[in-house]
Amino acid sequence: MAARTVDGSILLLKKLGGVFAIVLGGLIAAIGADVGSSATIAIGILCVVVGAILLVLKIIRRNEGGQVG
């Protein structure tokens, strides 16, 4: 049971980190578009991609044990 609690907190961190990275990346990309900085837009898009990867990894990890095969 203790391992599941630790695993659950890691999944929660990935979820919150992913959502935070997506929101932050969107804001950074929007600011970059406003000021016309392609480097800032690229950094924002990179943050969005990292956030999406974290969320996908969380979903894959959650669904690993529940597959019927």
C-alpha atoms as a PDB file:
ATOM      1  CA  MET A   1       0.000   0.000   0.000  1.00  0.00           C
ATOM      2  CA  ALA A   2       2.883   2.395   0.740  1.00  0.00           C
ATOM      3  CA  ALA A   3       4.328   1.896  -2.738  1.00  0.00           C
ATOM      4  CA  ARG A   4       0.976   2.796  -4.252  1.00  0.00           C
ATOM      5  CA  THR A   5       0.835   6.005  -2.229  1.00  0.00           C
ATOM      6  CA  VAL A   6       4.300   7.048  -3.416  1.00  0.00           C
ATOM      7  CA  ASP A   7       3.405   6.098  -6.989  1.00  0.00           C
ATOM      8  CA  GLY A   8       0.187   8.090  -6.741  1.00  0.00           C
ATOM      9  CA  SER A   9       2.003  11.207  -5.579  1.00  0.00           C
ATOM     10  CA  ILE A  10       4.440  10.894  -8.491  1.00  0.00           C
ATOM     11  CA  LEU A  11       1.522  10.642 -10.898  1.00  0.00           C
ATOM     12  CA  LEU A  12      -0.071  13.689  -9.287  1.00  0.00           C
ATOM     13  CA  LEU A  13       3.164  15.644  -9.695  1.00  0.00           C
ATOM     14  CA  LYS A  14       3.348  14.653 -13.367  1.00  0.00           C
ATOM     15  CA  LYS A  15      -0.253  15.716 -13.861  1.00  0.00           C
ATOM     16  CA  LEU A  16       0.141  19.064 -12.134  1.00  0.00           C
ATOM     17  CA  GLY A  17       3.528  19.648 -13.743  1.00  0.00           C
ATOM     18  CA  GLY A  18       2.104  18.860 -17.159  1.00  0.00           C
ATOM     19  CA  VAL A  19      -0.839  21.201 -16.766  1.00  0.00           C
ATOM     20  CA  PHE A  20       1.422  23.930 -15.385  1.00  0.00           C
ATOM     21  CA  ALA A  21       3.887  23.527 -18.271  1.00  0.00           C
ATOM     22  CA  ILE A  22       1.075  23.703 -20.841  1.00  0.00           C
ATOM     23  CA  VAL A  23      -0.393  26.861 -19.310  1.00  0.00           C
ATOM     24  CA  LEU A  24       3.007  28.501 -18.862  1.00  0.00           C
ATOM     25  CA  GLY A  25       4.056  27.541 -22.385  1.00  0.00           C
ATOM     26  CA  GLY A  26       0.878  28.999 -23.835  1.00  0.00           C
ATOM     27  CA  LEU A  27       1.450  32.255 -21.992  1.00  0.00           C
ATOM     28  CA  ILE A  28       5.087  32.432 -23.070  1.00  0.00           C
ATOM     29  CA  ALA A  29       4.167  31.712 -26.701  1.00  0.00           C
ATOM     30  CA  ALA A  30       1.458  34.379 -26.606  1.00  0.00           C
ATOM     31  CA  ILE A  31       3.868  36.935 -25.184  1.00  0.00           C
ATOM     32  CA  GLY A  32       6.408  35.983 -27.814  1.00  0.00           C
ATOM     33  CA  ALA A  33       3.836  36.424 -30.564  1.00  0.00           C
ATOM     34  CA  ASP A  34       2.867  39.813 -29.159  1.00  0.00           C
ATOM     35  CA  VAL A  35       6.423  41.138 -29.130  1.00  0.00           C
ATOM     36  CA  GLY A  36       7.425  39.330 -32.329  1.00  0.00           C
ATOM     37  CA  SER A  37      10.151  37.173 -30.824  1.00  0.00           C
ATOM     38  CA  SER A  38      10.471  33.814 -32.546  1.00  0.00           C
ATOM     39  CA  ALA A  39      12.808  32.520 -29.827  1.00  0.00           C
ATOM     40  CA  THR A  40      10.203  33.225 -27.140  1.00  0.00           C
ATOM     41  CA  ILE A  41       7.524  31.531 -29.225  1.00  0.00           C
ATOM     42  CA  ALA A  42       9.776  28.485 -29.624  1.00  0.00           C
ATOM     43  CA  ILE A  43      10.390  28.297 -25.870  1.00  0.00           C
ATOM     44  CA  GLY A  44       6.651  28.526 -25.237  1.00  0.00           C
ATOM     45  CA  ILE A  45       5.898  25.765 -27.726  1.00  0.00           C
ATOM     46  CA  LEU A  46       8.630  23.629 -26.162  1.00  0.00           C
ATOM     47  CA  CYS A  47       6.986  24.066 -22.741  1.00  0.00           C
ATOM     48  CA  VAL A  48       3.626  23.041 -24.183  1.00  0.00           C
ATOM     49  CA  VAL A  49       5.174  19.919 -25.724  1.00  0.00           C
ATOM     50  CA  VAL A  50       6.902  18.983 -22.453  1.00  0.00           C
ATOM     51  CA  GLY A  51       3.627  19.423 -20.574  1.00  0.00           C
ATOM     52  CA  ALA A  52       1.766  17.262 -23.078  1.00  0.00           C
ATOM     53  CA  ILE A  53       4.424  14.541 -22.797  1.00  0.00           C
ATOM     54  CA  LEU A  54       4.131  14.544 -19.011  1.00  0.00           C
ATOM     55  CA  LEU A  55       0.353  14.152 -19.235  1.00  0.00           C
ATOM     56  CA  VAL A  56       0.621  11.359 -21.806  1.00  0.00           C
ATOM     57  CA  LEU A  57       3.162   9.514 -19.646  1.00  0.00           C
ATOM     58  CA  LYS A  58       0.836   9.832 -16.671  1.00  0.00           C
ATOM     59  CA  ILE A  59      -2.095   8.416 -18.644  1.00  0.00           C
ATOM     60  CA  ILE A  60      -0.024   5.547 -20.027  1.00  0.00           C
ATOM     61  CA  ARG A  61       1.292   4.688 -16.568  1.00  0.00           C
ATOM     62  CA  ARG A  62      -2.222   4.766 -15.102  1.00  0.00           C
ATOM     63  CA  ASN A  63      -3.619   2.476 -17.774  1.00  0.00           C
ATOM     64  CA  GLU A  64      -0.795  -0.093 -17.739  1.00  0.00           C
ATOM     65  CA  GLY A  65      -2.275  -2.302 -15.030  1.00  0.00           C
ATOM     66  CA  GLY A  66      -5.877  -2.120 -16.212  1.00  0.00           C
ATOM     67  CA  GLN A  67      -5.519  -3.647 -19.674  1.00  0.00           C
ATOM     68  CA  VAL A  68      -7.363  -6.874 -20.379  1.00  0.00           C
ATOM     69  CA  GLY A  69      -5.429  -9.090 -22.730  1.00  0.00           C
END
